[in-house]
Amino acid sequence: MCEHSPECSNGVTCQLVLENGDTGLETAEYYCKAHLVLRIWEVENDSSMRAVSAEQL
């Protein structure tokens, strides 16, 4: 999702798996390490979403 950002030029990709609290569906999103931290913070402040896992690929 942020591959074109200058902060993501380190080549490290991380996968974030989210669960929708309303539907129970899980989705995977991909970020660089720097933006992964920001996205997890956003999810923690959203009561309808939950971070299931995050790992470096």
PDB file of N, CA and C in Angstrom:
ATOM      1  N   MET A   1       0.798  -1.193   0.000  1.00  0.00           N
ATOM      2  CA  MET A   1       0.000   0.000   0.000  1.00  0.00           C
ATOM      3  C   MET A   1       0.844   1.263   0.000  1.00  0.00           C
ATOM      4  N   CYS A   2       2.032   1.217   0.551  1.00  0.00           N
ATOM      5  CA  CYS A   2       2.849   2.429   0.609  1.00  0.00           C
ATOM      6  C   CYS A   2       4.196   2.218  -0.063  1.00  0.00           C
ATOM      7  N   GLU A   3       4.238   1.328  -1.042  1.00  0.00           N
ATOM      8  CA  GLU A   3       5.501   1.013  -1.708  1.00  0.00           C
ATOM      9  C   GLU A   3       6.123   2.206  -2.425  1.00  0.00           C
ATOM     10  N   HIS A   4       5.300   3.169  -2.803  1.00  0.00           N
ATOM     11  CA  HIS A   4       5.799   4.307  -3.575  1.00  0.00           C
ATOM     12  C   HIS A   4       6.262   5.469  -2.696  1.00  0.00           C
ATOM     13  N   SER A   5       6.167   5.328  -1.402  1.00  0.00           N
ATOM     14  CA  SER A   5       6.579   6.385  -0.482  1.00  0.00           C
ATOM     15  C   SER A   5       8.083   6.315  -0.251  1.00  0.00           C
ATOM     16  N   PRO A   6       8.779   7.440  -0.148  1.00  0.00           N
ATOM     17  CA  PRO A   6      10.222   7.428   0.076  1.00  0.00           C
ATOM     18  C   PRO A   6      10.603   6.745   1.392  1.00  0.00           C
ATOM     19  N   GLU A   7       9.718   6.786   2.389  1.00  0.00           N
ATOM     20  CA  GLU A   7      10.021   6.158   3.666  1.00  0.00           C
ATOM     21  C   GLU A   7      10.012   4.636   3.565  1.00  0.00           C
ATOM     22  N   CYS A   8       9.517   4.095   2.463  1.00  0.00           N
ATOM     23  CA  CYS A   8       9.385   2.651   2.301  1.00  0.00           C
ATOM     24  C   CYS A   8      10.443   2.083   1.373  1.00  0.00           C
ATOM     25  N   SER A   9      11.504   2.774   1.186  1.00  0.00           N
ATOM     26  CA  SER A   9      12.523   2.327   0.241  1.00  0.00           C
ATOM     27  C   SER A   9      13.486   1.319   0.849  1.00  0.00           C
ATOM     28  N   ASN A  10      13.267   0.892   2.098  1.00  0.00           N
ATOM     29  CA  ASN A  10      14.192  -0.037   2.732  1.00  0.00           C
ATOM     30  C   ASN A  10      13.981  -1.474   2.289  1.00  0.00           C
ATOM     31  N   GLY A  11      12.921  -1.758   1.538  1.00  0.00           N
ATOM     32  CA  GLY A  11      12.712  -3.097   1.007  1.00  0.00           C
ATOM     33  C   GLY A  11      12.081  -4.076   1.981  1.00  0.00           C
ATOM     34  N   VAL A  12      11.799  -3.675   3.199  1.00  0.00           N
ATOM     35  CA  VAL A  12      11.176  -4.565   4.176  1.00  0.00           C
ATOM     36  C   VAL A  12       9.666  -4.420   4.061  1.00  0.00           C
ATOM     37  N   THR A  13       8.982  -5.535   3.819  1.00  0.00           N
ATOM     38  CA  THR A  13       7.529  -5.523   3.721  1.00  0.00           C
ATOM     39  C   THR A  13       6.948  -6.301   4.886  1.00  0.00           C
ATOM     40  N   CYS A  14       5.875  -5.763   5.444  1.00  0.00           N
ATOM     41  CA  CYS A  14       5.204  -6.419   6.557  1.00  0.00           C
ATOM     42  C   CYS A  14       3.746  -6.663   6.190  1.00  0.00           C
ATOM     43  N   GLN A  15       3.215  -7.763   6.685  1.00  0.00           N
ATOM     44  CA  GLN A  15       1.808  -8.094   6.466  1.00  0.00           C
ATOM     45  C   GLN A  15       1.051  -7.874   7.766  1.00  0.00           C
ATOM     46  N   LEU A  16      -0.057  -7.170   7.659  1.00  0.00           N
ATOM     47  CA  LEU A  16      -0.935  -6.923   8.795  1.00  0.00           C
ATOM     48  C   LEU A  16      -2.267  -7.592   8.502  1.00  0.00           C
ATOM     49  N   VAL A  17      -2.712  -8.465   9.406  1.00  0.00           N
ATOM     50  CA  VAL A  17      -3.996  -9.126   9.246  1.00  0.00           C
ATOM     51  C   VAL A  17      -4.975  -8.464  10.208  1.00  0.00           C
ATOM     52  N   LEU A  18      -6.093  -7.987   9.656  1.00  0.00           N
ATOM     53  CA  LEU A  18      -7.120  -7.301  10.434  1.00  0.00           C
ATOM     54  C   LEU A  18      -8.406  -8.108  10.434  1.00  0.00           C
ATOM     55  N   GLU A  19      -9.146  -8.018  11.524  1.00  0.00           N
ATOM     56  CA  GLU A  19     -10.458  -8.651  11.611  1.00  0.00           C
ATOM     57  C   GLU A  19     -11.510  -7.575  11.808  1.00  0.00           C
ATOM     58  N   ASN A  20     -12.555  -7.646  10.988  1.00  0.00           N
ATOM     59  CA  ASN A  20     -13.672  -6.727  11.121  1.00  0.00           C
ATOM     60  C   ASN A  20     -14.558  -7.235  12.251  1.00  0.00           C
ATOM     61  N   GLY A  21     -14.731  -6.431  13.281  1.00  0.00           N
ATOM     62  CA  GLY A  21     -15.498  -6.843  14.441  1.00  0.00           C
ATOM     63  C   GLY A  21     -16.976  -7.052  14.153  1.00  0.00           C
ATOM     64  N   ASP A  22     -17.495  -6.414  13.112  1.00  0.00           N
ATOM     65  CA  ASP A  22     -18.910  -6.543  12.769  1.00  0.00           C
ATOM     66  C   ASP A  22     -19.190  -7.810  11.971  1.00  0.00           C
ATOM     67  N   THR A  23     -18.314  -8.121  11.019  1.00  0.00           N
ATOM     68  CA  THR A  23     -18.557  -9.254  10.124  1.00  0.00           C
ATOM     69  C   THR A  23     -17.714 -10.477  10.460  1.00  0.00           C
ATOM     70  N   GLY A  24     -16.595 -10.275  11.175  1.00  0.00           N
ATOM     71  CA  GLY A  24     -15.698 -11.381  11.483  1.00  0.00           C
ATOM     72  C   GLY A  24     -14.746 -11.727  10.350  1.00  0.00           C
ATOM     73  N   LEU A  25     -14.824 -10.996   9.236  1.00  0.00           N
ATOM     74  CA  LEU A  25     -13.952 -11.262   8.090  1.00  0.00           C
ATOM     75  C   LEU A  25     -12.546 -10.723   8.345  1.00  0.00           C
ATOM     76  N   GLU A  26     -11.557 -11.473   7.889  1.00  0.00           N
ATOM     77  CA  GLU A  26     -10.164 -11.047   8.015  1.00  0.00           C
ATOM     78  C   GLU A  26      -9.655 -10.571   6.666  1.00  0.00           C
ATOM     79  N   THR A  27      -8.833  -9.524   6.696  1.00  0.00           N
ATOM     80  CA  THR A  27      -8.199  -9.009   5.491  1.00  0.00           C
ATOM     81  C   THR A  27      -6.714  -8.807   5.771  1.00  0.00           C
ATOM     82  N   ALA A  28      -5.910  -8.916   4.730  1.00  0.00           N
ATOM     83  CA  ALA A  28      -4.476  -8.692   4.855  1.00  0.00           C
ATOM     84  C   ALA A  28      -4.117  -7.396   4.158  1.00  0.00           C
ATOM     85  N   GLU A  29      -3.278  -6.603   4.807  1.00  0.00           N
ATOM     86  CA  GLU A  29      -2.760  -5.370   4.234  1.00  0.00           C
ATOM     87  C   GLU A  29      -1.244  -5.433   4.292  1.00  0.00           C
ATOM     88  N   TYR A  30      -0.588  -4.745   3.382  1.00  0.00           N
ATOM     89  CA  TYR A  30       0.869  -4.797   3.307  1.00  0.00           C
ATOM     90  C   TYR A  30       1.444  -3.399   3.428  1.00  0.00           C
ATOM     91  N   TYR A  31       2.442  -3.265   4.282  1.00  0.00           N
ATOM     92  CA  TYR A  31       3.060  -1.977   4.563  1.00  0.00           C
ATOM     93  C   TYR A  31       4.554  -2.149   4.732  1.00  0.00           C
ATOM     94  N   CYS A  32       5.272  -1.041   4.623  1.00  0.00           N
ATOM     95  CA  CYS A  32       6.663  -1.044   5.054  1.00  0.00           C
ATOM     96  C   CYS A  32       6.646  -0.992   6.586  1.00  0.00           C
ATOM     97  N   LYS A  33       7.771  -1.253   7.188  1.00  0.00           N
ATOM     98  CA  LYS A  33       7.850  -1.291   8.652  1.00  0.00           C
ATOM     99  C   LYS A  33       7.397   0.023   9.283  1.00  0.00           C
ATOM    100  N   ALA A  34       7.808   1.140   8.711  1.00  0.00           N
ATOM    101  CA  ALA A  34       7.487   2.446   9.279  1.00  0.00           C
ATOM    102  C   ALA A  34       5.985   2.709   9.275  1.00  0.00           C
ATOM    103  N   HIS A  35       5.310   2.390   8.175  1.00  0.00           N
ATOM    104  CA  HIS A  35       3.881   2.651   8.081  1.00  0.00           C
ATOM    105  C   HIS A  35       3.044   1.596   8.794  1.00  0.00           C
ATOM    106  N   LEU A  36       3.614   0.427   9.045  1.00  0.00           N
ATOM    107  CA  LEU A  36       2.900  -0.606   9.788  1.00  0.00           C
ATOM    108  C   LEU A  36       2.578  -0.119  11.197  1.00  0.00           C
ATOM    109  N   VAL A  37       3.521   0.508  11.834  1.00  0.00           N
ATOM    110  CA  VAL A  37       3.316   1.023  13.191  1.00  0.00           C
ATOM    111  C   VAL A  37       2.176   2.038  13.209  1.00  0.00           C
ATOM    112  N   LEU A  38       2.159   2.924  12.237  1.00  0.00           N
ATOM    113  CA  LEU A  38       1.093   3.926  12.150  1.00  0.00           C
ATOM    114  C   LEU A  38      -0.261   3.261  11.924  1.00  0.00           C
ATOM    115  N   ARG A  39      -0.318   2.281  11.043  1.00  0.00           N
ATOM    116  CA  ARG A  39      -1.584   1.606  10.741  1.00  0.00           C
ATOM    117  C   ARG A  39      -2.105   0.849  11.972  1.00  0.00           C
ATOM    118  N   ILE A  40      -1.229   0.202  12.731  1.00  0.00           N
ATOM    119  CA  ILE A  40      -1.664  -0.503  13.942  1.00  0.00           C
ATOM    120  C   ILE A  40      -2.235   0.491  14.932  1.00  0.00           C
ATOM    121  N   TRP A  41      -1.623   1.656  15.059  1.00  0.00           N
ATOM    122  CA  TRP A  41      -2.140   2.687  15.955  1.00  0.00           C
ATOM    123  C   TRP A  41      -3.543   3.104  15.518  1.00  0.00           C
ATOM    124  N   GLU A  42      -3.757   3.268  14.201  1.00  0.00           N
ATOM    125  CA  GLU A  42      -5.081   3.633  13.693  1.00  0.00           C
ATOM    126  C   GLU A  42      -6.115   2.553  14.021  1.00  0.00           C
ATOM    127  N   VAL A  43      -5.732   1.301  13.857  1.00  0.00           N
ATOM    128  CA  VAL A  43      -6.642   0.185  14.116  1.00  0.00           C
ATOM    129  C   VAL A  43      -7.002   0.116  15.599  1.00  0.00           C
ATOM    130  N   GLU A  44      -6.025   0.364  16.457  1.00  0.00           N
ATOM    131  CA  GLU A  44      -6.286   0.328  17.899  1.00  0.00           C
ATOM    132  C   GLU A  44      -7.306   1.389  18.312  1.00  0.00           C
ATOM    133  N   ASN A  45      -7.397   2.468  17.555  1.00  0.00           N
ATOM    134  CA  ASN A  45      -8.352   3.544  17.850  1.00  0.00           C
ATOM    135  C   ASN A  45      -9.682   3.369  17.130  1.00  0.00           C
ATOM    136  N   ASP A  46      -9.836   2.277  16.384  1.00  0.00           N
ATOM    137  CA  ASP A  46     -11.062   1.992  15.647  1.00  0.00           C
ATOM    138  C   ASP A  46     -11.736   0.785  16.297  1.00  0.00           C
ATOM    139  N   SER A  47     -12.858   1.001  16.935  1.00  0.00           N
ATOM    140  CA  SER A  47     -13.509  -0.071  17.683  1.00  0.00           C
ATOM    141  C   SER A  47     -14.087  -1.172  16.789  1.00  0.00           C
ATOM    142  N   SER A  48     -14.223  -0.922  15.495  1.00  0.00           N
ATOM    143  CA  SER A  48     -14.793  -1.937  14.613  1.00  0.00           C
ATOM    144  C   SER A  48     -13.731  -2.862  14.003  1.00  0.00           C
ATOM    145  N   MET A  49     -12.454  -2.559  14.218  1.00  0.00           N
ATOM    146  CA  MET A  49     -11.379  -3.382  13.659  1.00  0.00           C
ATOM    147  C   MET A  49     -10.461  -3.889  14.774  1.00  0.00           C
ATOM    148  N   ARG A  50      -9.830  -5.048  14.504  1.00  0.00           N
ATOM    149  CA  ARG A  50      -8.886  -5.608  15.457  1.00  0.00           C
ATOM    150  C   ARG A  50      -7.692  -6.168  14.694  1.00  0.00           C
ATOM    151  N   ALA A  51      -6.503  -5.851  15.155  1.00  0.00           N
ATOM    152  CA  ALA A  51      -5.295  -6.413  14.548  1.00  0.00           C
ATOM    153  C   ALA A  51      -5.137  -7.854  15.029  1.00  0.00           C
ATOM    154  N   VAL A  52      -5.069  -8.781  14.097  1.00  0.00           N
ATOM    155  CA  VAL A  52      -4.934 -10.202  14.425  1.00  0.00           C
ATOM    156  C   VAL A  52      -3.456 -10.574  14.489  1.00  0.00           C
ATOM    157  N   SER A  53      -2.696 -10.146  13.488  1.00  0.00           N
ATOM    158  CA  SER A  53      -1.261 -10.450  13.479  1.00  0.00           C
ATOM    159  C   SER A  53      -0.529  -9.460  12.584  1.00  0.00           C
ATOM    160  N   ALA A  54       0.753  -9.352  12.835  1.00  0.00           N
ATOM    161  CA  ALA A  54       1.640  -8.531  12.007  1.00  0.00           C
ATOM    162  C   ALA A  54       2.967  -9.257  11.935  1.00  0.00           C
ATOM    163  N   GLU A  55       3.487  -9.419  10.739  1.00  0.00           N
ATOM    164  CA  GLU A  55       4.767 -10.101  10.594  1.00  0.00           C
ATOM    165  C   GLU A  55       5.550  -9.569   9.407  1.00  0.00           C
ATOM    166  N   GLN A  56       6.847  -9.654   9.522  1.00  0.00           N
ATOM    167  CA  GLN A  56       7.739  -9.221   8.450  1.00  0.00           C
ATOM    168  C   GLN A  56       7.825 -10.318   7.421  1.00  0.00           C
ATOM    169  N   LEU A  57       7.731  -9.965   6.155  1.00  0.00           N
ATOM    170  CA  LEU A  57       7.799 -10.951   5.065  1.00  0.00           C
ATOM    171  C   LEU A  57       9.190 -11.057   4.506  1.00  0.00           C
TER     172      LEU A  57
END
